[in-house]
Protein backbone atom coordinates (compact mmCIF):
# COMPACT_ATOMS: atom_id res chain seq x y z
CA MET A 1 -76.24 -52.41 53.24
CA LYS A 2 -72.86 -53.13 51.89
CA ASN A 3 -71.25 -56.04 53.83
CA LEU A 4 -67.85 -56.42 52.64
CA LEU A 5 -66.02 -57.42 55.28
CA LEU A 6 -68.21 -59.47 56.85
CA LEU A 7 -67.23 -62.90 55.87
CA ALA A 8 -63.53 -61.77 56.04
CA LEU A 9 -64.53 -61.03 59.86
CA LEU A 10 -66.26 -63.98 60.34
CA LEU A 11 -63.14 -65.74 59.04
CA PHE A 12 -60.58 -63.73 61.31
CA ALA A 13 -62.79 -64.44 64.08
CA ASN A 14 -62.80 -68.22 63.45
CA ALA A 15 -58.88 -68.21 63.02
CA CYS A 16 -58.25 -66.04 66.30
CA ALA A 17 -60.84 -68.19 68.26
CA PHE A 18 -62.72 -64.97 69.70
CA LYS A 19 -66.61 -64.54 69.37
CA PRO A 20 -67.25 -61.00 67.74
CA THR A 21 -69.42 -59.16 69.51
CA ASN A 22 -72.19 -56.11 68.93
CA LYS A 23 -72.68 -55.41 72.54
CA PHE A 24 -71.41 -51.85 72.19
CA ASP A 25 -73.25 -51.20 68.91
CA VAL A 26 -75.96 -47.87 69.01
CA TYR A 27 -79.25 -49.03 68.61
CA GLN A 28 -81.72 -45.78 68.99
CA ALA A 29 -85.27 -45.06 67.89
CA GLN A 30 -84.07 -42.77 65.47
CA ALA A 31 -80.42 -41.80 64.45
CA VAL A 32 -79.26 -38.43 65.89
CA LEU A 33 -77.49 -36.09 63.39
CA PRO A 34 -74.90 -35.08 62.93
CA GLN A 35 -73.84 -36.77 65.56
CA GLU A 36 -73.98 -40.23 63.76
CA GLU A 37 -71.52 -39.35 61.13
CA ALA A 38 -68.79 -39.79 63.87
CA PRO A 39 -67.49 -42.82 64.62
CA HIS A 40 -69.02 -44.75 67.55
CA LEU A 41 -67.18 -45.88 70.02
CA ARG A 42 -66.25 -49.74 69.57
CA ASN A 43 -68.68 -50.12 66.89
CA SER A 44 -68.73 -53.78 65.74
CA LEU A 45 -68.24 -52.41 62.29
CA GLU A 46 -69.33 -48.99 60.46
CA TRP A 47 -68.33 -47.18 57.29
CA TRP A 48 -68.05 -44.25 55.38
CA TYR A 49 -69.04 -45.09 51.57
CA PHE A 50 -68.91 -42.79 48.26
CA THR A 51 -69.69 -44.18 45.30
CA GLY A 52 -70.37 -41.97 42.09
CA HIS A 53 -69.90 -41.20 38.13
CA LEU A 54 -67.54 -38.26 37.19
CA LYS A 55 -66.74 -36.67 33.86
CA ASP A 56 -63.90 -35.03 32.48
CA LYS A 57 -64.83 -31.04 32.13
CA ALA A 58 -62.76 -31.23 29.18
CA THR A 59 -63.48 -33.96 27.15
CA GLY A 60 -66.19 -35.41 28.56
CA GLU A 61 -65.26 -38.92 29.29
CA VAL A 62 -66.50 -40.55 32.53
CA TYR A 63 -64.74 -42.12 35.17
CA GLY A 64 -66.30 -43.96 38.33
CA VAL A 65 -64.96 -43.69 41.92
CA GLU A 66 -65.33 -45.94 44.96
CA TYR A 67 -63.52 -44.38 48.06
CA VAL A 68 -64.51 -45.78 51.64
CA PHE A 69 -63.14 -45.62 55.11
CA PHE A 70 -64.22 -48.81 57.31
CA HIS A 71 -63.74 -48.81 61.22
CA PHE A 72 -64.44 -51.79 63.25
CA ASN A 73 -63.92 -53.57 66.52
CA PRO A 74 -64.52 -57.22 66.41
CA THR A 75 -64.07 -57.82 70.15
CA GLY A 76 -64.93 -54.69 71.61
CA LYS A 77 -61.27 -54.26 72.85
CA LYS A 78 -59.13 -53.39 69.95
CA ASP A 79 -60.26 -50.79 66.45
CA TRP A 80 -59.16 -51.66 63.26
CA GLN A 81 -59.34 -49.42 60.05
CA MET A 82 -59.71 -50.20 56.79
CA VAL A 83 -59.41 -48.03 53.12
CA ASN A 84 -60.68 -49.08 49.99
CA PHE A 85 -60.34 -47.15 46.54
CA ALA A 86 -60.98 -47.66 43.12
CA LEU A 87 -61.17 -45.75 39.83
CA THR A 88 -63.29 -47.34 36.71
CA ASP A 89 -61.63 -45.67 33.07
CA PRO A 90 -64.51 -46.77 30.83
CA GLN A 91 -62.90 -45.40 27.83
CA LYS A 92 -59.74 -48.04 28.48
CA LYS A 93 -61.54 -50.55 29.84
CA GLN A 94 -59.78 -50.78 33.22
CA PHE A 95 -59.98 -51.27 37.01
CA ARG A 96 -57.82 -50.48 39.37
CA TYR A 97 -58.19 -50.67 42.70
CA ASP A 98 -55.89 -50.21 46.58
CA TYR A 99 -56.63 -51.44 49.98
CA LYS A 100 -54.88 -51.50 53.13
CA VAL A 101 -56.34 -52.98 56.55
CA GLU A 102 -54.75 -52.35 59.95
CA SER A 103 -55.07 -52.38 63.60
CA LEU A 104 -54.97 -48.58 65.46
CA PRO A 105 -53.06 -48.38 68.38
CA THR A 106 -56.11 -46.44 70.54
CA LEU A 107 -59.54 -46.09 70.22
CA LEU A 108 -60.74 -44.06 67.26
CA PRO A 109 -62.04 -40.73 68.40
CA THR A 110 -65.88 -40.03 68.27
CA THR A 111 -65.57 -36.33 67.05
CA LEU A 112 -66.48 -33.71 64.24
CA PRO A 113 -65.80 -33.14 61.58
CA LEU A 114 -64.55 -36.12 60.59
CA ASN A 115 -60.66 -36.73 60.66
CA LEU A 116 -59.80 -40.18 59.22
CA SER A 117 -56.45 -40.99 57.53
CA MET A 118 -54.57 -43.96 57.10
CA GLN A 119 -50.83 -44.27 55.36
CA LYS A 120 -49.80 -46.87 52.75
CA LYS A 121 -45.99 -46.85 51.59
CA ALA A 122 -45.26 -43.14 50.83
CA GLN A 123 -49.48 -42.36 50.13
CA ARG A 124 -52.06 -41.01 52.78
CA TRP A 125 -55.34 -41.36 51.72
CA SER A 126 -58.01 -38.95 54.13
CA LEU A 127 -61.65 -38.48 54.49
CA THR A 128 -62.53 -34.81 56.20
CA GLY A 129 -65.70 -33.53 56.52
CA GLN A 130 -69.63 -33.49 58.03
CA GLU A 131 -73.21 -33.54 56.88
CA GLY A 132 -72.32 -33.87 52.92
CA SER A 133 -69.45 -31.64 52.81
CA TYR A 134 -66.61 -33.19 52.36
CA HIS A 135 -62.48 -33.50 51.13
CA LEU A 136 -61.62 -36.73 49.76
CA GLN A 137 -58.09 -37.45 48.68
CA ALA A 138 -56.28 -40.42 47.77
CA THR A 139 -53.67 -42.03 45.48
CA MET A 140 -52.97 -45.45 44.79
CA ALA A 141 -50.17 -46.69 46.33
CA ASP A 142 -49.94 -49.74 44.37
CA HIS A 143 -50.94 -48.33 40.99
CA ALA A 144 -48.69 -45.48 40.73
CA GLY A 145 -50.66 -42.33 38.69
CA HIS A 146 -54.01 -43.12 39.83
CA GLY A 147 -55.48 -41.05 42.56
CA ILE A 148 -58.09 -38.34 43.51
CA ASN A 149 -58.57 -34.84 44.98
CA LEU A 150 -62.42 -34.16 45.49
CA ILE A 151 -64.63 -31.96 47.18
CA THR A 152 -68.37 -32.68 47.69
CA THR A 153 -71.80 -30.08 48.62
CA PRO A 154 -75.12 -31.63 49.19
CA THR A 155 -77.90 -30.79 46.65
CA LYS A 156 -80.70 -33.17 48.13
CA PRO A 157 -81.29 -33.62 52.31
CA VAL A 158 -80.39 -36.75 53.90
CA LEU A 159 -82.15 -39.90 53.58
CA LEU A 160 -82.96 -41.62 56.16
CA HIS A 161 -83.15 -45.22 55.19
CA GLY A 162 -86.26 -47.20 56.94
CA GLY A 163 -87.82 -43.43 57.60
CA THR A 164 -85.70 -43.51 61.01
CA GLY A 165 -82.10 -43.84 59.77
CA TYR A 166 -82.40 -47.49 60.96
CA GLU A 167 -82.60 -50.79 58.39
CA GLN A 168 -84.43 -53.34 59.99
CA TYR A 169 -82.85 -56.53 57.98
CA GLY A 170 -85.26 -58.89 59.11
CA THR A 171 -84.74 -60.83 62.50
CA VAL A 172 -81.22 -60.85 61.38
CA ALA A 173 -80.01 -57.14 62.46
CA ARG A 174 -80.85 -53.61 62.55
CA ALA A 175 -78.46 -51.48 61.62
CA GLY A 176 -78.19 -47.57 61.29
CA TYR A 177 -78.23 -46.67 57.48
CA TYR A 178 -78.20 -42.77 55.70
CA SER A 179 -77.36 -41.58 52.51
CA TYR A 180 -76.52 -38.05 50.68
CA THR A 181 -78.14 -39.34 47.52
CA ARG A 182 -76.46 -36.62 45.20
CA LEU A 183 -73.57 -34.42 46.48
CA ALA A 184 -72.37 -32.31 44.16
CA THR A 185 -68.81 -33.06 43.28
CA ALA A 186 -65.72 -31.21 41.95
CA GLY A 187 -61.82 -31.26 41.80
CA THR A 188 -58.86 -33.84 40.17
CA ILE A 189 -59.03 -37.11 39.20
CA GLU A 190 -55.28 -38.69 38.38
CA VAL A 191 -55.70 -42.20 35.71
CA GLY A 192 -53.05 -43.25 34.34
CA GLY A 193 -50.72 -40.71 35.32
CA GLN A 194 -52.88 -37.61 33.57
CA GLN A 195 -54.67 -35.28 35.88
CA ARG A 196 -57.81 -34.65 34.85
CA GLN A 197 -60.22 -31.40 36.46
CA VAL A 198 -64.10 -33.61 37.03
CA GLU A 199 -67.20 -32.81 37.93
CA GLY A 200 -70.23 -35.18 38.65
CA GLU A 201 -72.33 -36.42 41.68
CA LEU A 202 -71.51 -39.11 44.18
CA TRP A 203 -73.27 -41.04 46.77
CA TYR A 204 -72.58 -41.55 49.83
CA ASP A 205 -73.93 -44.39 52.33
CA ARG A 206 -72.94 -44.02 56.20
CA GLN A 207 -73.86 -47.09 58.18
CA TRP A 208 -72.93 -48.85 61.47
CA ASN A 209 -73.86 -51.69 63.41
CA CYS A 210 -73.09 -54.04 60.50
CA ASN A 211 -71.40 -56.82 62.23
CA ALA A 212 -74.92 -58.98 63.21
CA VAL A 213 -75.04 -59.96 59.59
CA MET A 214 -72.32 -62.15 59.65
CA SER A 215 -72.64 -65.37 57.93
CA LYS A 216 -70.27 -67.46 55.21
CA ASP A 217 -73.63 -68.73 53.54
CA SER A 218 -74.89 -65.05 53.29
CA GLY A 219 -74.37 -62.84 50.28
CA TRP A 220 -75.14 -59.58 49.45
CA ASP A 221 -76.72 -57.55 46.32
CA TRP A 222 -76.58 -53.75 46.63
CA LEU A 223 -77.42 -51.21 44.06
CA SER A 224 -77.62 -47.46 44.30
CA ILE A 225 -79.59 -45.54 41.43
CA GLN A 226 -79.13 -41.63 40.33
CA LEU A 227 -82.01 -41.05 37.58
CA ASP A 228 -81.56 -38.31 35.29
CA GLU A 229 -84.88 -36.87 34.91
CA PRO A 230 -87.01 -36.57 37.14
CA ARG A 231 -84.15 -36.35 39.87
CA GLU A 232 -84.89 -39.38 41.90
CA GLU A 233 -82.84 -41.98 43.46
CA ILE A 234 -83.20 -45.73 44.55
CA MET A 235 -81.51 -47.86 46.67
CA ALA A 236 -82.10 -51.39 46.76
CA TYR A 237 -80.62 -54.75 48.11
CA GLN A 238 -81.12 -58.28 48.39
CA LEU A 239 -79.90 -60.73 51.23
CA ARG A 240 -79.57 -64.27 50.35
CA ASN A 241 -78.86 -67.42 52.22
CA ASN A 242 -76.90 -69.49 49.61
CA ILE A 243 -77.85 -72.63 51.04
CA THR A 244 -81.35 -72.01 51.62
CA GLY A 245 -82.17 -70.16 48.66
CA GLU A 246 -84.15 -67.93 51.13
CA SER A 247 -83.93 -63.79 50.17
CA LEU A 248 -84.80 -61.17 52.15
CA SER A 249 -84.60 -57.54 50.25
CA GLY A 250 -85.43 -53.73 51.37
CA GLY A 251 -84.83 -50.15 49.60
CA SER A 252 -85.65 -46.71 49.52
CA HIS A 253 -87.06 -44.47 46.95
CA TYR A 254 -86.35 -40.88 47.42
CA SER A 255 -88.29 -38.52 44.93
CA ALA A 256 -87.38 -35.15 43.39
CA GLN A 257 -89.32 -33.42 45.87
CA ASN A 258 -87.15 -35.46 48.72
CA GLN A 259 -90.04 -37.66 49.70
CA ASN A 260 -89.05 -40.61 51.15
CA THR A 261 -90.34 -43.91 50.60
CA HIS A 262 -89.42 -46.96 52.44
CA LEU A 263 -89.43 -49.89 50.15
CA VAL A 264 -90.13 -53.76 51.48
CA SER A 265 -89.68 -57.00 49.20
CA SER A 266 -93.50 -56.95 47.77
CA ASP A 267 -92.53 -53.64 46.22
CA PHE A 268 -90.05 -54.36 43.68
CA GLN A 269 -88.36 -57.29 41.69
CA LEU A 270 -84.72 -57.04 41.21
CA GLU A 271 -84.07 -60.12 38.41
CA PRO A 272 -80.78 -60.96 37.29
CA LEU A 273 -80.45 -61.09 33.54
CA ALA A 274 -77.15 -62.37 32.64
CA TYR A 275 -73.80 -63.24 34.63
CA TRP A 276 -69.96 -62.84 34.15
CA GLN A 277 -67.52 -65.49 35.75
CA SER A 278 -64.23 -63.84 36.65
CA PRO A 279 -61.09 -65.35 35.41
CA ARG A 280 -59.19 -64.94 38.40
CA SER A 281 -61.55 -65.95 41.11
CA LYS A 282 -63.60 -68.10 39.08
CA GLN A 283 -66.46 -66.56 40.79
CA ARG A 284 -69.78 -66.13 39.12
CA TYR A 285 -71.76 -62.64 39.39
CA PRO A 286 -74.93 -61.25 37.91
CA ILE A 287 -73.67 -58.70 35.70
CA LYS A 288 -77.08 -57.25 34.33
CA TRP A 289 -80.22 -56.74 36.28
CA ARG A 290 -84.01 -55.77 35.75
CA LEU A 291 -85.61 -53.47 38.53
CA ARG A 292 -89.27 -52.83 38.67
CA ILE A 293 -90.90 -50.76 41.30
CA PRO A 294 -94.63 -51.09 40.00
CA SER A 295 -95.65 -48.49 42.70
CA GLN A 296 -93.53 -45.68 41.41
CA GLY A 297 -93.66 -46.42 37.66
CA TYR A 298 -89.98 -47.75 37.35
CA ASP A 299 -88.91 -50.32 35.00
CA LEU A 300 -85.32 -50.07 34.82
CA LEU A 301 -82.24 -52.14 33.12
CA ILE A 302 -79.05 -52.17 35.07
CA GLU A 303 -75.77 -52.62 33.44
CA PRO A 304 -72.08 -52.71 34.09
CA VAL A 305 -69.67 -49.80 31.99
CA ILE A 306 -67.25 -52.61 31.89
CA PRO A 307 -67.64 -56.68 33.33
CA ASN A 308 -64.54 -56.96 35.22
CA GLN A 309 -64.96 -54.69 38.51
CA GLU A 310 -64.00 -57.15 40.73
CA LEU A 311 -61.77 -56.75 43.72
CA ASN A 312 -59.48 -59.00 44.75
CA LEU A 313 -58.34 -58.08 48.80
CA ARG A 314 -56.00 -60.11 50.92
CA LEU A 315 -56.87 -59.74 54.37
CA PHE A 316 -55.17 -60.91 57.71
CA LYS A 317 -52.31 -62.56 55.79
CA ALA A 318 -54.47 -65.67 55.13
CA ILE A 319 -57.87 -64.42 54.23
CA ASN A 320 -58.87 -63.78 50.80
CA LEU A 321 -61.80 -61.75 49.94
CA ASN A 322 -63.42 -61.54 46.25
CA TYR A 323 -66.52 -59.18 45.49
CA TRP A 324 -67.58 -56.99 43.04
CA GLU A 325 -68.16 -53.25 43.39
CA GLY A 326 -68.91 -51.03 39.69
CA MET A 327 -69.87 -48.07 37.53
CA CYS A 328 -73.14 -48.94 36.21
CA LYS A 329 -75.85 -47.23 33.75
CA VAL A 330 -79.26 -47.51 33.98
CA THR A 331 -81.88 -47.44 31.14
CA GLY A 332 -85.46 -48.12 31.15
CA THR A 333 -88.80 -46.46 31.87
CA HIS A 334 -91.18 -44.14 34.18
CA ASN A 335 -94.63 -44.22 33.86
CA GLY A 336 -93.61 -45.23 30.27
CA LYS A 337 -91.74 -42.82 29.40
CA PRO A 338 -87.77 -43.29 28.79
CA VAL A 339 -85.32 -42.58 31.59
CA THR A 340 -81.54 -43.00 32.16
CA GLY A 341 -78.88 -42.77 35.12
CA ASN A 342 -76.24 -43.63 36.77
CA SER A 343 -76.00 -46.38 39.33
CA TYR A 344 -73.54 -48.19 41.38
CA VAL A 345 -73.92 -52.07 42.15
CA GLU A 346 -71.97 -54.51 44.66
CA ILE A 347 -72.33 -57.98 44.95
CA THR A 348 -70.51 -59.66 47.61
CA ASN A 349 -70.61 -64.12 48.01
CA PRO A 350 -72.15 -64.49 45.13
CA GLY A 351 -72.75 -68.33 45.33
CA ASP A 352 -74.30 -70.28 42.93
CA PRO A 353 -78.00 -69.35 41.32
CA ALA A 354 -78.59 -73.19 40.26
CA ALA A 355 -77.84 -74.71 43.55
CA ALA A 356 -79.79 -71.98 45.44
CA ARG A 357 -82.98 -72.53 43.07
CA LYS A 358 -82.69 -76.31 43.82
CA ALA A 359 -82.67 -75.66 47.59
CA THR A 360 -85.69 -73.41 47.12
CA SER A 361 -87.82 -75.83 45.30
CA ALA A 362 -86.61 -79.09 47.59
CA ALA A 363 -87.87 -76.96 50.52
CA ALA A 364 -90.95 -75.88 49.32
CA ALA A 365 -91.57 -79.65 48.32
CA LYS A 366 -91.36 -80.70 51.93
């Protein structure tokens, strides 16, 4: 679960004096594919989200990619769309991103294959395809010489989170959620004006019905992991209330044999080990994590390839949103044997860990 826009939408709603609605959201016993791939009519908040590691075929240098289309209709009347695009260059310790949010003149068509696009200055960003086979094209308008032109192919079946394609976030929300955890990816990226032939794997998240989690006091930690050997994948999230210190966590383990195991809070421990403070926003983010899943034999360490992968977004003219989403490496053990892998981590509204612990202690003392 990612909530990049949730806090911003809440502030937008307050500023514009209307109450967001989720009455048009889609709730079913099970996600129905491929229909769920298409935009949902007047959905409160949904997205098509790609993250992953790509390698230069000539030099072996690695790069991180984040590319996402958001669609949201907070009033049930007018559609909005947002694109966010980021590239990480660990070799030069650089992080570049671009974005745009705009209202749409008409409601987004609920058709397949996907054909999503947005224009920023002279640059056009697009996402086409369905069911794991996609074409991603984008060139940054704010950072000349940075772009992608990528083709993906699924190498594992779709993963339905929660077993049904719906993830239950306690009593807060029920959101549609499925992933293609390994998309074989090839094409070109442009970094610093240089075109590079790349290959690798992207992780794709499809989510909808996400407006219901809005709260200015809430924050998310979310991570995806692609392990080298065994070729297994893990998704884990932690939703926290930064005032009370309460938290809710869950996730999925996807085995090499394509077995889907739903994870609840008691199944794993996600522990922050170190923090980094942004010189720009002054936000303090966890920057190193230990993830233990005893039932699956995993004890993993997740670390960013560079610390500063923070995005600073200015939305709706008067709203600033800061969050961290970055390319990470994984080391650790599986049943006592060394393992390695790739990861992407998102942190929104991190709050103050010390204040949260104090609030938790105070609540326990009552």
